[in-house]
PDB file of N, CA and C in Angstrom:
ATOM      1  N   MET A   1      98.725  83.057 128.249  1.00  0.00           N
ATOM      2  CA  MET A   1      98.040  84.283 127.946  1.00  0.00           C
ATOM      3  C   MET A   1      99.016  85.448 127.868  1.00  0.00           C
ATOM      4  N   SER A   2      99.942  85.514 128.798  1.00  0.00           N
ATOM      5  CA  SER A   2     100.896  86.618 128.791  1.00  0.00           C
ATOM      6  C   SER A   2     101.826  86.534 127.586  1.00  0.00           C
ATOM      7  N   ASP A   3     102.065  85.318 127.080  1.00  0.00           N
ATOM      8  CA  ASP A   3     102.878  85.176 125.875  1.00  0.00           C
ATOM      9  C   ASP A   3     102.189  85.805 124.679  1.00  0.00           C
ATOM     10  N   GLN A   4     100.875  85.665 124.611  1.00  0.00           N
ATOM     11  CA  GLN A   4     100.129  86.257 123.507  1.00  0.00           C
ATOM     12  C   GLN A   4     100.158  87.781 123.593  1.00  0.00           C
ATOM     13  N   VAL A   5     100.034  88.319 124.773  1.00  0.00           N
ATOM     14  CA  VAL A   5     100.066  89.768 124.946  1.00  0.00           C
ATOM     15  C   VAL A   5     101.445  90.300 124.583  1.00  0.00           C
ATOM     16  N   ALA A   6     102.500  89.597 124.999  1.00  0.00           N
ATOM     17  CA  ALA A   6     103.855  90.021 124.682  1.00  0.00           C
ATOM     18  C   ALA A   6     104.104  89.957 123.180  1.00  0.00           C
ATOM     19  N   ALA A   7     103.541  88.948 122.527  1.00  0.00           N
ATOM     20  CA  ALA A   7     103.725  88.819 121.083  1.00  0.00           C
ATOM     21  C   ALA A   7     103.008  89.931 120.342  1.00  0.00           C
ATOM     22  N   VAL A   8     101.892  90.386 120.872  1.00  0.00           N
ATOM     23  CA  VAL A   8     101.137  91.449 120.219  1.00  0.00           C
ATOM     24  C   VAL A   8     101.824  92.790 120.409  1.00  0.00           C
ATOM     25  N   THR A   9     102.347  93.063 121.576  1.00  0.00           N
ATOM     26  CA  THR A   9     102.926  94.379 121.827  1.00  0.00           C
ATOM     27  C   THR A   9     104.309  94.543 121.206  1.00  0.00           C
ATOM     28  N   THR A  10     104.997  93.472 120.926  1.00  0.00           N
ATOM     29  CA  THR A  10     106.342  93.586 120.379  1.00  0.00           C
ATOM     30  C   THR A  10     106.376  94.264 119.010  1.00  0.00           C
ATOM     31  N   PRO A  11     105.569  93.859 118.028  1.00  0.00           N
ATOM     32  CA  PRO A  11     105.587  94.588 116.742  1.00  0.00           C
ATOM     33  C   PRO A  11     105.114  96.031 116.877  1.00  0.00           C
ATOM     34  N   GLU A  12     104.162  96.254 117.782  1.00  0.00           N
ATOM     35  CA  GLU A  12     103.692  97.628 117.983  1.00  0.00           C
ATOM     36  C   GLU A  12     104.791  98.495 118.583  1.00  0.00           C
ATOM     37  N   GLN A  13     105.551  97.920 119.510  1.00  0.00           N
ATOM     38  CA  GLN A  13     106.653  98.662 120.101  1.00  0.00           C
ATOM     39  C   GLN A  13     107.749  98.923 119.076  1.00  0.00           C
ATOM     40  N   ALA A  14     107.990  97.951 118.212  1.00  0.00           N
ATOM     41  CA  ALA A  14     109.009  98.137 117.180  1.00  0.00           C
ATOM     42  C   ALA A  14     108.594  99.233 116.208  1.00  0.00           C
ATOM     43  N   ALA A  15     107.325  99.252 115.838  1.00  0.00           N
ATOM     44  CA  ALA A  15     106.836 100.299 114.938  1.00  0.00           C
ATOM     45  C   ALA A  15     106.896 101.658 115.611  1.00  0.00           C
ATOM     46  N   SER A  16     106.559 101.689 116.883  1.00  0.00           N
ATOM     47  CA  SER A  16     106.615 102.943 117.623  1.00  0.00           C
ATOM     48  C   SER A  16     108.055 103.430 117.751  1.00  0.00           C
ATOM     49  N   ARG A  17     108.968 102.512 118.017  1.00  0.00           N
ATOM     50  CA  ARG A  17     110.385 102.883 118.131  1.00  0.00           C
ATOM     51  C   ARG A  17     110.916 103.385 116.788  1.00  0.00           C
ATOM     52  N   ALA A  18     110.527 102.736 115.699  1.00  0.00           N
ATOM     53  CA  ALA A  18     110.986 103.170 114.379  1.00  0.00           C
ATOM     54  C   ALA A  18     110.443 104.563 114.043  1.00  0.00           C
ATOM     55  N   ALA A  19     109.196 104.806 114.383  1.00  0.00           N
ATOM     56  CA  ALA A  19     108.613 106.126 114.130  1.00  0.00           C
ATOM     57  C   ALA A  19     109.301 107.196 114.968  1.00  0.00           C
ATOM     58  N   LEU A  20     109.614 106.871 116.215  1.00  0.00           N
ATOM     59  CA  LEU A  20     110.304 107.824 117.078  1.00  0.00           C
ATOM     60  C   LEU A  20     111.705 108.132 116.563  1.00  0.00           C
ATOM     61  N   MET A  21     112.420 107.110 116.124  1.00  0.00           N
ATOM     62  CA  MET A  21     113.764 107.327 115.590  1.00  0.00           C
ATOM     63  C   MET A  21     113.720 108.176 114.316  1.00  0.00           C
ATOM     64  N   LYS A  22     112.739 107.923 113.493  1.00  0.00           N
ATOM     65  CA  LYS A  22     112.589 108.714 112.268  1.00  0.00           C
ATOM     66  C   LYS A  22     112.285 110.170 112.605  1.00  0.00           C
ATOM     67  N   LEU A  23     111.413 110.379 113.585  1.00  0.00           N
ATOM     68  CA  LEU A  23     111.080 111.736 114.001  1.00  0.00           C
ATOM     69  C   LEU A  23     112.294 112.444 114.586  1.00  0.00           C
ATOM     70  N   LEU A  24     113.063 111.751 115.410  1.00  0.00           N
ATOM     71  CA  LEU A  24     114.272 112.349 115.974  1.00  0.00           C
ATOM     72  C   LEU A  24     115.296 112.688 114.901  1.00  0.00           C
ATOM     73  N   PHE A  25     115.434 111.817 113.909  1.00  0.00           N
ATOM     74  CA  PHE A  25     116.369 112.092 112.814  1.00  0.00           C
ATOM     75  C   PHE A  25     115.969 113.354 112.063  1.00  0.00           C
ATOM     76  N   PHE A  26     114.696 113.457 111.712  1.00  0.00           N
ATOM     77  CA  PHE A  26     114.258 114.626 110.958  1.00  0.00           C
ATOM     78  C   PHE A  26     114.274 115.889 111.820  1.00  0.00           C
ATOM     79  N   ALA A  27     114.014 115.767 113.116  1.00  0.00           N
ATOM     80  CA  ALA A  27     114.084 116.936 113.998  1.00  0.00           C
ATOM     81  C   ALA A  27     115.522 117.443 114.096  1.00  0.00           C
ATOM     82  N   ALA A  28     116.467 116.512 114.234  1.00  0.00           N
ATOM     83  CA  ALA A  28     117.876 116.923 114.296  1.00  0.00           C
ATOM     84  C   ALA A  28     118.316 117.534 112.972  1.00  0.00           C
ATOM     85  N   THR A  29     117.889 116.937 111.888  1.00  0.00           N
ATOM     86  CA  THR A  29     118.233 117.471 110.570  1.00  0.00           C
ATOM     87  C   THR A  29     117.636 118.860 110.382  1.00  0.00           C
ATOM     88  N   LEU A  30     116.408 119.040 110.848  1.00  0.00           N
ATOM     89  CA  LEU A  30     115.758 120.342 110.722  1.00  0.00           C
ATOM     90  C   LEU A  30     116.434 121.394 111.584  1.00  0.00           C
ATOM     91  N   ALA A  31     117.046 120.971 112.676  1.00  0.00           N
ATOM     92  CA  ALA A  31     117.742 121.922 113.537  1.00  0.00           C
ATOM     93  C   ALA A  31     119.131 122.258 113.014  1.00  0.00           C
ATOM     94  N   ILE A  32     119.821 121.299 112.455  1.00  0.00           N
ATOM     95  CA  ILE A  32     121.224 121.480 112.076  1.00  0.00           C
ATOM     96  C   ILE A  32     121.400 122.007 110.650  1.00  0.00           C
ATOM     97  N   LEU A  33     120.669 121.430 109.703  1.00  0.00           N
ATOM     98  CA  LEU A  33     120.901 121.749 108.286  1.00  0.00           C
ATOM     99  C   LEU A  33     120.666 123.218 107.931  1.00  0.00           C
ATOM    100  N   PRO A  34     119.548 123.839 108.316  1.00  0.00           N
ATOM    101  CA  PRO A  34     119.371 125.247 107.929  1.00  0.00           C
ATOM    102  C   PRO A  34     120.403 126.188 108.550  1.00  0.00           C
ATOM    103  N   ILE A  35     120.745 125.966 109.807  1.00  0.00           N
ATOM    104  CA  ILE A  35     121.720 126.841 110.460  1.00  0.00           C
ATOM    105  C   ILE A  35     123.095 126.695 109.821  1.00  0.00           C
ATOM    106  N   SER A  36     123.492 125.444 109.605  1.00  0.00           N
ATOM    107  CA  SER A  36     124.810 125.242 108.999  1.00  0.00           C
ATOM    108  C   SER A  36     124.836 125.726 107.552  1.00  0.00           C
ATOM    109  N   SER A  37     123.749 125.531 106.833  1.00  0.00           N
ATOM    110  CA  SER A  37     123.739 126.012 105.450  1.00  0.00           C
ATOM    111  C   SER A  37     123.768 127.534 105.407  1.00  0.00           C
ATOM    112  N   TYR A  38     123.136 128.188 106.368  1.00  0.00           N
ATOM    113  CA  TYR A  38     123.179 129.647 106.412  1.00  0.00           C
ATOM    114  C   TYR A  38     124.614 130.146 106.571  1.00  0.00           C
ATOM    115  N   PHE A  39     125.289 129.657 107.610  1.00  0.00           N
ATOM    116  CA  PHE A  39     126.628 130.165 107.884  1.00  0.00           C
ATOM    117  C   PHE A  39     127.646 129.736 106.828  1.00  0.00           C
ATOM    118  N   LEU A  40     127.531 128.516 106.323  1.00  0.00           N
ATOM    119  CA  LEU A  40     128.478 128.063 105.307  1.00  0.00           C
ATOM    120  C   LEU A  40     128.301 128.809 103.988  1.00  0.00           C
ATOM    121  N   THR A  41     127.050 128.988 103.574  1.00  0.00           N
ATOM    122  CA  THR A  41     126.853 129.692 102.303  1.00  0.00           C
ATOM    123  C   THR A  41     127.119 131.181 102.428  1.00  0.00           C
ATOM    124  N   GLU A  42     126.878 131.737 103.617  1.00  0.00           N
ATOM    125  CA  GLU A  42     127.177 133.158 103.800  1.00  0.00           C
ATOM    126  C   GLU A  42     128.678 133.419 103.668  1.00  0.00           C
ATOM    127  N   LYS A  43     129.458 132.512 104.201  1.00  0.00           N
ATOM    128  CA  LYS A  43     130.906 132.725 104.194  1.00  0.00           C
ATOM    129  C   LYS A  43     131.558 132.304 102.876  1.00  0.00           C
ATOM    130  N   TYR A  44     131.167 131.146 102.331  1.00  0.00           N
ATOM    131  CA  TYR A  44     131.891 130.578 101.195  1.00  0.00           C
ATOM    132  C   TYR A  44     131.202 130.752  99.844  1.00  0.00           C
ATOM    133  N   VAL A  45     129.888 130.848  99.818  1.00  0.00           N
ATOM    134  CA  VAL A  45     129.194 130.894  98.525  1.00  0.00           C
ATOM    135  C   VAL A  45     128.777 132.320  98.176  1.00  0.00           C
ATOM    136  N   TRP A  46     128.132 133.000  99.111  1.00  0.00           N
ATOM    137  CA  TRP A  46     127.571 134.306  98.795  1.00  0.00           C
ATOM    138  C   TRP A  46     128.446 135.476  99.240  1.00  0.00           C
ATOM    139  N   SER A  47     129.622 135.236  99.720  1.00  0.00           N
ATOM    140  CA  SER A  47     130.602 136.274 100.085  1.00  0.00           C
ATOM    141  C   SER A  47     130.036 137.328 101.032  1.00  0.00           C
ATOM    142  N   GLY A  48     129.368 136.880 102.094  1.00  0.00           N
ATOM    143  CA  GLY A  48     128.881 137.800 103.101  1.00  0.00           C
ATOM    144  C   GLY A  48     127.483 138.326 102.894  1.00  0.00           C
ATOM    145  N   ASN A  49     126.815 137.977 101.816  1.00  0.00           N
ATOM    146  CA  ASN A  49     125.452 138.443 101.581  1.00  0.00           C
ATOM    147  C   ASN A  49     124.493 137.593 102.411  1.00  0.00           C
ATOM    148  N   SER A  50     123.983 138.161 103.488  1.00  0.00           N
ATOM    149  CA  SER A  50     123.140 137.393 104.399  1.00  0.00           C
ATOM    150  C   SER A  50     121.736 137.138 103.857  1.00  0.00           C
ATOM    151  N   ASN A  51     121.281 137.957 102.930  1.00  0.00           N
ATOM    152  CA  ASN A  51     119.955 137.725 102.339  1.00  0.00           C
ATOM    153  C   ASN A  51     119.933 136.413 101.542  1.00  0.00           C
ATOM    154  N   TYR A  52     120.922 136.217 100.702  1.00  0.00           N
ATOM    155  CA  TYR A  52     120.988 134.979  99.927  1.00  0.00           C
ATOM    156  C   TYR A  52     121.237 133.772 100.822  1.00  0.00           C
ATOM    157  N   ALA A  53     122.030 133.963 101.864  1.00  0.00           N
ATOM    158  CA  ALA A  53     122.285 132.864 102.799  1.00  0.00           C
ATOM    159  C   ALA A  53     121.004 132.482 103.538  1.00  0.00           C
ATOM    160  N   ALA A  54     120.191 133.469 103.883  1.00  0.00           N
ATOM    161  CA  ALA A  54     118.916 133.187 104.549  1.00  0.00           C
ATOM    162  C   ALA A  54     117.972 132.443 103.619  1.00  0.00           C
ATOM    163  N   ILE A  55     117.949 132.820 102.360  1.00  0.00           N
ATOM    164  CA  ILE A  55     117.111 132.117 101.382  1.00  0.00           C
ATOM    165  C   ILE A  55     117.582 130.675 101.242  1.00  0.00           C
ATOM    166  N   THR A  56     118.879 130.464 101.262  1.00  0.00           N
ATOM    167  CA  THR A  56     119.420 129.109 101.196  1.00  0.00           C
ATOM    168  C   THR A  56     118.994 128.296 102.415  1.00  0.00           C
ATOM    169  N   ALA A  57     119.024 128.892 103.591  1.00  0.00           N
ATOM    170  CA  ALA A  57     118.611 128.197 104.811  1.00  0.00           C
ATOM    171  C   ALA A  57     117.122 127.873 104.777  1.00  0.00           C
ATOM    172  N   ILE A  58     116.323 128.774 104.262  1.00  0.00           N
ATOM    173  CA  ILE A  58     114.886 128.519 104.136  1.00  0.00           C
ATOM    174  C   ILE A  58     114.633 127.360 103.180  1.00  0.00           C
ATOM    175  N   CYS A  59     115.351 127.335 102.084  1.00  0.00           N
ATOM    176  CA  CYS A  59     115.211 126.224 101.127  1.00  0.00           C
ATOM    177  C   CYS A  59     115.630 124.900 101.759  1.00  0.00           C
ATOM    178  N   ALA A  60     116.691 124.919 102.544  1.00  0.00           N
ATOM    179  CA  ALA A  60     117.143 123.694 103.212  1.00  0.00           C
ATOM    180  C   ALA A  60     116.085 123.199 104.196  1.00  0.00           C
ATOM    181  N   ALA A  61     115.471 124.112 104.951  1.00  0.00           N
ATOM    182  CA  ALA A  61     114.424 123.711 105.894  1.00  0.00           C
ATOM    183  C   ALA A  61     113.219 123.134 105.165  1.00  0.00           C
ATOM    184  N   ASN A  62     112.846 123.740 104.051  1.00  0.00           N
ATOM    185  CA  ASN A  62     111.711 123.233 103.279  1.00  0.00           C
ATOM    186  C   ASN A  62     112.010 121.869 102.676  1.00  0.00           C
ATOM    187  N   ILE A  63     113.238 121.646 102.253  1.00  0.00           N
ATOM    188  CA  ILE A  63     113.613 120.339 101.711  1.00  0.00           C
ATOM    189  C   ILE A  63     113.495 119.263 102.781  1.00  0.00           C
ATOM    190  N   VAL A  64     113.915 119.568 103.998  1.00  0.00           N
ATOM    191  CA  VAL A  64     113.800 118.598 105.090  1.00  0.00           C
ATOM    192  C   VAL A  64     112.331 118.303 105.381  1.00  0.00           C
ATOM    193  N   LEU A  65     111.497 119.325 105.426  1.00  0.00           N
ATOM    194  CA  LEU A  65     110.078 119.117 105.689  1.00  0.00           C
ATOM    195  C   LEU A  65     109.408 118.305 104.590  1.00  0.00           C
ATOM    196  N   ILE A  66     109.736 118.586 103.349  1.00  0.00           N
ATOM    197  CA  ILE A  66     109.169 117.827 102.231  1.00  0.00           C
ATOM    198  C   ILE A  66     109.634 116.379 102.284  1.00  0.00           C
ATOM    199  N   ALA A  67     110.888 116.166 102.623  1.00  0.00           N
ATOM    200  CA  ALA A  67     111.400 114.796 102.736  1.00  0.00           C
ATOM    201  C   ALA A  67     110.668 114.029 103.835  1.00  0.00           C
ATOM    202  N   TYR A  68     110.388 114.693 104.955  1.00  0.00           N
ATOM    203  CA  TYR A  68     109.648 114.040 106.036  1.00  0.00           C
ATOM    204  C   TYR A  68     108.240 113.660 105.584  1.00  0.00           C
ATOM    205  N   ILE A  69     107.587 114.539 104.879  1.00  0.00           N
ATOM    206  CA  ILE A  69     106.238 114.259 104.394  1.00  0.00           C
ATOM    207  C   ILE A  69     106.255 113.093 103.411  1.00  0.00           C
ATOM    208  N   VAL A  70     107.211 113.084 102.497  1.00  0.00           N
ATOM    209  CA  VAL A  70     107.294 112.004 101.506  1.00  0.00           C
ATOM    210  C   VAL A  70     107.561 110.671 102.188  1.00  0.00           C
ATOM    211  N   VAL A  71     108.484 110.632 103.129  1.00  0.00           N
ATOM    212  CA  VAL A  71     108.787 109.391 103.843  1.00  0.00           C
ATOM    213  C   VAL A  71     107.562 108.913 104.614  1.00  0.00           C
ATOM    214  N   SER A  72     106.840 109.825 105.233  1.00  0.00           N
ATOM    215  CA  SER A  72     105.639 109.456 105.977  1.00  0.00           C
ATOM    216  C   SER A  72     104.560 108.900 105.056  1.00  0.00           C
ATOM    217  N   LEU A  73     104.381 109.511 103.916  1.00  0.00           N
ATOM    218  CA  LEU A  73     103.382 109.010 102.971  1.00  0.00           C
ATOM    219  C   LEU A  73     103.763 107.637 102.426  1.00  0.00           C
ATOM    220  N   MET A  74     105.027 107.437 102.146  1.00  0.00           N
ATOM    221  CA  MET A  74     105.465 106.132 101.663  1.00  0.00           C
ATOM    222  C   MET A  74     105.267 105.060 102.731  1.00  0.00           C
ATOM    223  N   GLU A  75     105.536 105.390 103.979  1.00  0.00           N
ATOM    224  CA  GLU A  75     105.336 104.447 105.078  1.00  0.00           C
ATOM    225  C   GLU A  75     103.852 104.130 105.248  1.00  0.00           C
ATOM    226  N   ASP A  76     103.008 105.133 105.085  1.00  0.00           N
ATOM    227  CA  ASP A  76     101.572 104.935 105.218  1.00  0.00           C
ATOM    228  C   ASP A  76     101.051 104.030 104.107  1.00  0.00           C
ATOM    229  N   LYS A  77     101.540 104.235 102.891  1.00  0.00           N
ATOM    230  CA  LYS A  77     101.124 103.365 101.779  1.00  0.00           C
ATOM    231  C   LYS A  77     101.551 101.926 102.035  1.00  0.00           C
ATOM    232  N   ARG A  78     102.762 101.755 102.565  1.00  0.00           N
ATOM    233  CA  ARG A  78     103.279 100.419 102.853  1.00  0.00           C
ATOM    234  C   ARG A  78     102.419  99.727 103.910  1.00  0.00           C
ATOM    235  N   SER A  79     102.069 100.437 104.960  1.00  0.00           N
ATOM    236  CA  SER A  79     101.253  99.846 106.014  1.00  0.00           C
ATOM    237  C   SER A  79      99.837  99.571 105.514  1.00  0.00           C
ATOM    238  N   PHE A  80      99.327 100.411 104.612  1.00  0.00           N
ATOM    239  CA  PHE A  80      98.002 100.173 104.037  1.00  0.00           C
ATOM    240  C   PHE A  80      98.006  98.903 103.198  1.00  0.00           C
ATOM    241  N   LYS A  81      99.069  98.684 102.413  1.00  0.00           N
ATOM    242  CA  LYS A  81      99.160  97.470 101.602  1.00  0.00           C
ATOM    243  C   LYS A  81      99.218  96.230 102.479  1.00  0.00           C
ATOM    244  N   VAL A  82      99.969  96.299 103.570  1.00  0.00           N
ATOM    245  CA  VAL A  82     100.083  95.154 104.472  1.00  0.00           C
ATOM    246  C   VAL A  82      98.743  94.839 105.101  1.00  0.00           C
ATOM    247  N   SER A  83      98.014  95.863 105.528  1.00  0.00           N
ATOM    248  CA  SER A  83      96.704  95.624 106.144  1.00  0.00           C
ATOM    249  C   SER A  83      95.714  95.068 105.124  1.00  0.00           C
ATOM    250  N   GLU A  84      95.780  95.545 103.892  1.00  0.00           N
ATOM    251  CA  GLU A  84      94.896  95.013 102.849  1.00  0.00           C
ATOM    252  C   GLU A  84      95.227  93.554 102.543  1.00  0.00           C
ATOM    253  N   GLU A  85      96.521  93.217 102.512  1.00  0.00           N
ATOM    254  CA  GLU A  85      96.910  91.829 102.269  1.00  0.00           C
ATOM    255  C   GLU A  85      96.465  90.933 103.416  1.00  0.00           C
ATOM    256  N   LYS A  86      96.528  91.431 104.643  1.00  0.00           N
ATOM    257  CA  LYS A  86      96.049  90.655 105.792  1.00  0.00           C
ATOM    258  C   LYS A  86      94.565  90.380 105.671  1.00  0.00           C
ATOM    259  N   LYS A  87      93.799  91.409 105.326  1.00  0.00           N
ATOM    260  CA  LYS A  87      92.353  91.241 105.190  1.00  0.00           C
ATOM    261  C   LYS A  87      92.033  90.258 104.082  1.00  0.00           C
ATOM    262  N   LEU A  88      92.766  90.335 102.998  1.00  0.00           N
ATOM    263  CA  LEU A  88      92.532  89.435 101.878  1.00  0.00           C
ATOM    264  C   LEU A  88      92.851  88.002 102.260  1.00  0.00           C
ATOM    265  N   SER A  89      93.960  87.796 102.956  1.00  0.00           N
ATOM    266  CA  SER A  89      94.315  86.438 103.369  1.00  0.00           C
ATOM    267  C   SER A  89      93.346  85.891 104.411  1.00  0.00           C
ATOM    268  N   GLU A  90      92.817  86.748 105.286  1.00  0.00           N
ATOM    269  CA  GLU A  90      91.846  86.293 106.265  1.00  0.00           C
ATOM    270  C   GLU A  90      90.534  85.899 105.605  1.00  0.00           C
ATOM    271  N   THR A  91      90.130  86.629 104.588  1.00  0.00           N
ATOM    272  CA  THR A  91      88.885  86.268 103.901  1.00  0.00           C
ATOM    273  C   THR A  91      89.059  84.974 103.132  1.00  0.00           C
ATOM    274  N   LYS A  92      90.256  84.721 102.605  1.00  0.00           N
ATOM    275  CA  LYS A  92      90.514  83.457 101.907  1.00  0.00           C
ATOM    276  C   LYS A  92      90.512  82.295 102.877  1.00  0.00           C
ATOM    277  N   LYS A  93      91.007  82.511 104.095  1.00  0.00           N
ATOM    278  CA  LYS A  93      91.043  81.455 105.093  1.00  0.00           C
ATOM    279  C   LYS A  93      89.636  81.085 105.553  1.00  0.00           C
ATOM    280  N   GLU A  94      88.754  82.080 105.618  1.00  0.00           N
ATOM    281  CA  GLU A  94      87.390  81.828 106.061  1.00  0.00           C
ATOM    282  C   GLU A  94      86.611  81.022 105.043  1.00  0.00           C
ATOM    283  N   ARG A  95      86.968  81.087 103.797  1.00  0.00           N
ATOM    284  CA  ARG A  95      86.251  80.346 102.750  1.00  0.00           C
ATOM    285  C   ARG A  95      86.629  78.931 102.867  1.00  0.00           C
TER     286      ARG A  95
END
């Protein structure tokens, strides 16, 4: 019985760990990318114009957020397809 419980929780733990790692990656990216893009573009691209550097940092933050949403939607579609295939195979087995 405990083997069955361990077998069930292992894929769930792996999915949870993968989701946590993805969240940590995007959180770190959201913290680092806008700040670094602000200071780098202020110094090297916009020659001290902080308004343009701030706009660049805002764009970088929005790109990270959009990327997170797209990755999440793609993962959701993938999991939906897997669940639909499971249901389809179970109905075929019952016949």
